[in-house]
């Protein structure tokens, strides 16, 4: 079961990295197009402001991905706990069924 968890961690990490790369690309394209428009208009100090905004966006993306990772890990932990509970309940149900059917068979043997 730990091997499954490790492979899920790897897949989750790859998916999140893919989302991160797509978001960063989208912000970069948007920022570059804005920069091109501003340069055509002649803004001098805007480049630094834009770079600061891009860094802020990256930090926000990284923060969101970190939060998503922690939520996914918590969900995985809850899934494992739920699976263990369900397995325990299934075992108990099977035990009770065996006891119930065993009691019925013993009563049936006593009848003439």
N, C-alpha and C. Protein backbone atom coordinates (compact mmCIF):
# COMPACT_ATOMS: atom_id res chain seq x y z
N UNK A 1 0.83 -1.20 0.00
CA UNK A 1 0.00 0.00 0.00
C UNK A 1 0.87 1.26 0.00
N UNK A 2 2.08 1.14 0.60
CA UNK A 2 2.98 2.28 0.64
C UNK A 2 3.51 2.59 -0.76
N UNK A 3 3.69 1.54 -1.58
CA UNK A 3 4.15 1.73 -2.95
C UNK A 3 3.12 2.53 -3.73
N UNK A 4 1.82 2.21 -3.53
CA UNK A 4 0.75 2.97 -4.19
C UNK A 4 0.78 4.42 -3.76
N UNK A 5 1.01 4.65 -2.49
CA UNK A 5 1.07 6.02 -1.97
C UNK A 5 2.22 6.78 -2.61
N UNK A 6 3.36 6.10 -2.76
CA UNK A 6 4.52 6.75 -3.37
C UNK A 6 4.24 7.09 -4.83
N UNK A 7 3.61 6.17 -5.56
CA UNK A 7 3.31 6.45 -6.97
C UNK A 7 2.26 7.56 -7.08
N UNK A 8 1.30 7.61 -6.14
CA UNK A 8 0.32 8.70 -6.13
C UNK A 8 1.01 10.03 -5.85
N UNK A 9 2.01 10.03 -4.94
CA UNK A 9 2.77 11.25 -4.66
C UNK A 9 3.47 11.73 -5.92
N UNK A 10 4.07 10.80 -6.65
CA UNK A 10 4.79 11.15 -7.87
C UNK A 10 3.83 11.73 -8.91
N UNK A 11 2.69 11.07 -9.10
CA UNK A 11 1.71 11.55 -10.07
C UNK A 11 1.18 12.91 -9.65
N UNK A 12 0.85 13.07 -8.37
CA UNK A 12 0.34 14.35 -7.88
C UNK A 12 1.35 15.46 -8.10
N UNK A 13 2.61 15.17 -7.83
CA UNK A 13 3.66 16.17 -8.01
C UNK A 13 3.78 16.55 -9.49
N UNK A 14 3.73 15.55 -10.36
CA UNK A 14 3.84 15.83 -11.79
C UNK A 14 2.66 16.67 -12.28
N UNK A 15 1.46 16.35 -11.82
CA UNK A 15 0.28 17.11 -12.22
C UNK A 15 0.38 18.55 -11.74
N UNK A 16 0.78 18.72 -10.48
CA UNK A 16 0.90 20.07 -9.93
C UNK A 16 2.00 20.87 -10.64
N UNK A 17 3.11 20.21 -10.96
CA UNK A 17 4.17 20.90 -11.69
C UNK A 17 3.69 21.32 -13.08
N UNK A 18 2.90 20.46 -13.72
CA UNK A 18 2.35 20.80 -15.03
C UNK A 18 1.43 22.01 -14.93
N UNK A 19 0.56 22.02 -13.92
CA UNK A 19 -0.34 23.16 -13.71
C UNK A 19 0.48 24.43 -13.44
N UNK A 20 1.49 24.29 -12.62
CA UNK A 20 2.35 25.45 -12.31
C UNK A 20 3.00 26.00 -13.58
N UNK A 21 3.55 25.10 -14.40
CA UNK A 21 4.21 25.55 -15.63
C UNK A 21 3.22 26.23 -16.57
N UNK A 22 2.03 25.70 -16.68
CA UNK A 22 1.02 26.31 -17.55
C UNK A 22 0.63 27.69 -17.03
N UNK A 23 0.44 27.81 -15.73
CA UNK A 23 0.09 29.11 -15.16
C UNK A 23 1.21 30.13 -15.35
N UNK A 24 2.43 29.69 -15.10
CA UNK A 24 3.55 30.62 -15.25
C UNK A 24 3.70 31.03 -16.71
N UNK A 25 3.49 30.09 -17.63
CA UNK A 25 3.56 30.43 -19.05
C UNK A 25 2.47 31.44 -19.41
N UNK A 26 1.26 31.19 -18.91
CA UNK A 26 0.15 32.10 -19.20
C UNK A 26 0.44 33.50 -18.67
N UNK A 27 0.97 33.59 -17.45
CA UNK A 27 1.30 34.90 -16.88
C UNK A 27 2.43 35.55 -17.66
N UNK A 28 3.41 34.75 -18.07
CA UNK A 28 4.54 35.29 -18.81
C UNK A 28 4.09 35.86 -20.15
N UNK A 29 3.25 35.11 -20.87
CA UNK A 29 2.76 35.58 -22.17
C UNK A 29 1.96 36.87 -21.98
N UNK A 30 1.09 36.88 -20.97
CA UNK A 30 0.29 38.08 -20.70
C UNK A 30 1.20 39.25 -20.33
N UNK A 31 2.18 39.00 -19.49
CA UNK A 31 3.09 40.07 -19.06
C UNK A 31 3.92 40.57 -20.24
N UNK A 32 4.38 39.66 -21.10
CA UNK A 32 5.18 40.08 -22.25
C UNK A 32 4.36 40.91 -23.22
N UNK A 33 3.10 40.52 -23.42
CA UNK A 33 2.26 41.30 -24.34
C UNK A 33 1.98 42.68 -23.75
N UNK A 34 1.80 42.76 -22.46
CA UNK A 34 1.59 44.08 -21.81
C UNK A 34 2.85 44.93 -21.92
N UNK A 35 4.01 44.26 -21.74
CA UNK A 35 5.28 45.00 -21.81
C UNK A 35 5.48 45.55 -23.21
N UNK A 36 5.14 44.75 -24.21
CA UNK A 36 5.27 45.21 -25.59
C UNK A 36 4.39 46.41 -25.86
N UNK A 37 3.18 46.38 -25.32
CA UNK A 37 2.27 47.51 -25.50
C UNK A 37 2.78 48.75 -24.78
N UNK A 38 3.33 48.56 -23.59
CA UNK A 38 3.83 49.71 -22.81
C UNK A 38 5.06 50.31 -23.46
N UNK A 39 5.96 49.41 -23.97
CA UNK A 39 7.17 49.93 -24.61
C UNK A 39 6.80 50.74 -25.84
N UNK A 40 5.79 50.29 -26.55
CA UNK A 40 5.33 51.04 -27.71
C UNK A 40 4.81 52.41 -27.28
N UNK A 41 4.22 52.47 -26.06
CA UNK A 41 3.70 53.72 -25.52
C UNK A 41 4.77 54.57 -24.89
N UNK A 42 5.91 53.96 -24.52
CA UNK A 42 7.04 54.72 -23.98
C UNK A 42 7.07 54.84 -22.48
N UNK A 43 6.84 53.78 -21.71
CA UNK A 43 6.93 53.83 -20.25
C UNK A 43 8.30 53.37 -19.78
N UNK A 44 8.99 54.17 -18.94
CA UNK A 44 10.34 53.82 -18.51
C UNK A 44 10.41 52.97 -17.27
N UNK A 45 9.73 53.35 -16.18
CA UNK A 45 9.81 52.64 -14.92
C UNK A 45 8.83 51.49 -14.80
N UNK A 46 8.12 51.24 -15.86
CA UNK A 46 7.08 50.21 -15.82
C UNK A 46 7.69 48.81 -15.80
N UNK A 47 8.87 48.63 -16.39
CA UNK A 47 9.51 47.31 -16.45
C UNK A 47 9.75 46.73 -15.07
N UNK A 48 10.22 47.55 -14.16
CA UNK A 48 10.48 47.07 -12.79
C UNK A 48 9.19 46.71 -12.08
N UNK A 49 8.18 47.53 -12.28
CA UNK A 49 6.89 47.26 -11.67
C UNK A 49 6.31 45.95 -12.21
N UNK A 50 6.46 45.76 -13.50
CA UNK A 50 5.95 44.53 -14.12
C UNK A 50 6.73 43.32 -13.60
N UNK A 51 8.03 43.46 -13.46
CA UNK A 51 8.84 42.36 -12.94
C UNK A 51 8.44 42.03 -11.51
N UNK A 52 8.18 43.04 -10.71
CA UNK A 52 7.73 42.82 -9.34
C UNK A 52 6.38 42.12 -9.32
N UNK A 53 5.48 42.54 -10.22
CA UNK A 53 4.17 41.89 -10.30
C UNK A 53 4.30 40.43 -10.71
N UNK A 54 5.21 40.15 -11.65
CA UNK A 54 5.41 38.77 -12.08
C UNK A 54 5.96 37.92 -10.94
N UNK A 55 6.91 38.48 -10.19
CA UNK A 55 7.45 37.75 -9.03
C UNK A 55 6.36 37.49 -8.00
N UNK A 56 5.50 38.48 -7.79
CA UNK A 56 4.39 38.32 -6.86
C UNK A 56 3.46 37.21 -7.34
N UNK A 57 3.15 37.20 -8.63
CA UNK A 57 2.29 36.15 -9.18
C UNK A 57 2.92 34.77 -9.01
N UNK A 58 4.22 34.69 -9.25
CA UNK A 58 4.92 33.40 -9.07
C UNK A 58 4.83 32.95 -7.62
N UNK A 59 5.03 33.87 -6.72
CA UNK A 59 4.94 33.53 -5.30
C UNK A 59 3.52 33.07 -4.95
N UNK A 60 2.53 33.74 -5.52
CA UNK A 60 1.14 33.33 -5.26
C UNK A 60 0.87 31.94 -5.84
N UNK A 61 1.39 31.66 -7.01
CA UNK A 61 1.22 30.34 -7.62
C UNK A 61 1.90 29.28 -6.77
N UNK A 62 3.12 29.57 -6.34
CA UNK A 62 3.83 28.61 -5.49
C UNK A 62 3.08 28.36 -4.19
N UNK A 63 2.53 29.43 -3.61
CA UNK A 63 1.76 29.28 -2.38
C UNK A 63 0.51 28.44 -2.61
N UNK A 64 -0.17 28.68 -3.72
CA UNK A 64 -1.37 27.90 -4.03
C UNK A 64 -1.03 26.44 -4.25
N UNK A 65 0.08 26.18 -4.94
CA UNK A 65 0.49 24.78 -5.16
C UNK A 65 0.88 24.10 -3.85
N UNK A 66 1.52 24.82 -2.99
CA UNK A 66 1.86 24.26 -1.67
C UNK A 66 0.60 23.91 -0.90
N UNK A 67 -0.37 24.80 -0.94
CA UNK A 67 -1.65 24.53 -0.27
C UNK A 67 -2.33 23.31 -0.88
N UNK A 68 -2.33 23.22 -2.21
CA UNK A 68 -2.93 22.06 -2.88
C UNK A 68 -2.24 20.77 -2.48
N UNK A 69 -0.92 20.80 -2.42
CA UNK A 69 -0.18 19.59 -2.00
C UNK A 69 -0.58 19.16 -0.60
N UNK A 70 -0.67 20.12 0.30
CA UNK A 70 -1.02 19.77 1.68
C UNK A 70 -2.45 19.22 1.75
N UNK A 71 -3.35 19.82 0.98
CA UNK A 71 -4.73 19.32 0.95
C UNK A 71 -4.79 17.90 0.38
N UNK A 72 -4.03 17.65 -0.69
CA UNK A 72 -4.01 16.31 -1.28
C UNK A 72 -3.44 15.28 -0.31
N UNK A 73 -2.39 15.66 0.41
CA UNK A 73 -1.82 14.74 1.40
C UNK A 73 -2.82 14.45 2.52
N UNK A 74 -3.53 15.47 2.96
CA UNK A 74 -4.55 15.28 4.00
C UNK A 74 -5.66 14.37 3.48
N UNK A 75 -6.09 14.60 2.24
CA UNK A 75 -7.14 13.75 1.66
C UNK A 75 -6.66 12.30 1.55
N UNK A 76 -5.41 12.10 1.16
CA UNK A 76 -4.87 10.74 1.06
C UNK A 76 -4.86 10.07 2.43
N UNK A 77 -4.47 10.83 3.44
CA UNK A 77 -4.46 10.29 4.80
C UNK A 77 -5.87 9.89 5.23
N UNK A 78 -6.84 10.74 4.92
CA UNK A 78 -8.23 10.42 5.26
C UNK A 78 -8.72 9.21 4.47
N UNK A 79 -8.29 9.08 3.22
CA UNK A 79 -8.67 7.91 2.41
C UNK A 79 -8.13 6.63 3.03
N UNK A 80 -6.89 6.67 3.49
CA UNK A 80 -6.29 5.49 4.12
C UNK A 80 -7.05 5.13 5.39
N UNK A 81 -7.36 6.13 6.21
CA UNK A 81 -8.11 5.87 7.44
C UNK A 81 -9.48 5.30 7.13
N UNK A 82 -10.15 5.84 6.13
CA UNK A 82 -11.47 5.35 5.74
C UNK A 82 -11.38 3.92 5.22
N UNK A 83 -10.38 3.63 4.40
CA UNK A 83 -10.20 2.27 3.89
C UNK A 83 -9.97 1.29 5.02
N UNK A 84 -9.15 1.67 6.00
CA UNK A 84 -8.91 0.80 7.15
C UNK A 84 -10.19 0.57 7.93
N UNK A 85 -10.98 1.62 8.12
CA UNK A 85 -12.26 1.49 8.84
C UNK A 85 -13.21 0.57 8.08
N UNK A 86 -13.29 0.74 6.77
CA UNK A 86 -14.18 -0.10 5.96
C UNK A 86 -13.73 -1.55 5.97
N UNK A 87 -12.43 -1.78 5.91
CA UNK A 87 -11.93 -3.16 5.99
C UNK A 87 -12.25 -3.78 7.34
N UNK A 88 -12.10 -3.00 8.40
CA UNK A 88 -12.44 -3.49 9.74
C UNK A 88 -13.92 -3.81 9.86
N UNK A 89 -14.77 -2.94 9.32
CA UNK A 89 -16.21 -3.19 9.34
C UNK A 89 -16.57 -4.43 8.54
N UNK A 90 -15.94 -4.59 7.37
CA UNK A 90 -16.20 -5.77 6.55
C UNK A 90 -15.80 -7.04 7.29
N UNK A 91 -14.67 -7.02 7.95
CA UNK A 91 -14.22 -8.18 8.72
C UNK A 91 -15.21 -8.50 9.83
N UNK A 92 -15.67 -7.47 10.51
CA UNK A 92 -16.64 -7.67 11.61
C UNK A 92 -17.96 -8.22 11.08
N UNK A 93 -18.42 -7.71 9.94
CA UNK A 93 -19.67 -8.20 9.33
C UNK A 93 -19.52 -9.67 8.96
N UNK A 94 -18.40 -10.01 8.36
CA UNK A 94 -18.17 -11.41 7.98
C UNK A 94 -18.13 -12.31 9.21
N UNK A 95 -17.50 -11.85 10.29
CA UNK A 95 -17.44 -12.64 11.52
C UNK A 95 -18.84 -12.85 12.09
N UNK A 96 -19.64 -11.78 12.11
CA UNK A 96 -21.01 -11.89 12.62
C UNK A 96 -21.85 -12.82 11.76
N UNK A 97 -21.66 -12.78 10.45
CA UNK A 97 -22.39 -13.69 9.57
C UNK A 97 -22.02 -15.14 9.85
N UNK A 98 -20.72 -15.38 10.01
CA UNK A 98 -20.28 -16.76 10.31
C UNK A 98 -20.89 -17.24 11.62
N UNK A 99 -20.88 -16.36 12.62
CA UNK A 99 -21.46 -16.74 13.91
C UNK A 99 -22.96 -16.98 13.77
N UNK A 100 -23.64 -16.14 13.02
CA UNK A 100 -25.08 -16.27 12.83
C UNK A 100 -25.41 -17.56 12.10
N UNK A 101 -24.74 -17.83 11.01
CA UNK A 101 -25.00 -19.06 10.26
C UNK A 101 -24.56 -20.28 11.05
N UNK A 102 -23.52 -20.17 11.81
CA UNK A 102 -23.07 -21.28 12.66
C UNK A 102 -24.11 -21.61 13.71
N UNK A 103 -24.75 -20.60 14.27
CA UNK A 103 -25.79 -20.82 15.28
C UNK A 103 -27.03 -21.46 14.66
N UNK A 104 -27.37 -21.06 13.44
CA UNK A 104 -28.51 -21.64 12.75
C UNK A 104 -28.28 -23.11 12.43
N UNK A 105 -27.08 -23.45 12.00
CA UNK A 105 -26.76 -24.84 11.67
C UNK A 105 -26.79 -25.70 12.91
N UNK A 106 -26.29 -25.16 14.03
CA UNK A 106 -26.32 -25.94 15.27
C UNK A 106 -27.75 -26.18 15.72
N UNK A 107 -28.64 -25.20 15.57
CA UNK A 107 -30.04 -25.37 15.94
C UNK A 107 -30.71 -26.37 15.02
N UNK A 108 -30.38 -26.35 13.74
CA UNK A 108 -30.98 -27.26 12.77
C UNK A 108 -30.58 -28.70 13.05
N UNK A 109 -29.38 -28.91 13.57
CA UNK A 109 -28.94 -30.28 13.88
C UNK A 109 -29.67 -30.85 15.07
N UNK A 110 -30.15 -30.01 15.98
CA UNK A 110 -30.84 -30.49 17.19
C UNK A 110 -32.26 -30.90 16.89
N UNK A 111 -32.85 -30.44 15.81
CA UNK A 111 -34.25 -30.74 15.52
C UNK A 111 -34.36 -32.15 14.96
N UNK A 112 -35.51 -32.91 15.26
CA UNK A 112 -35.64 -34.29 14.81
C UNK A 112 -35.85 -34.42 13.34
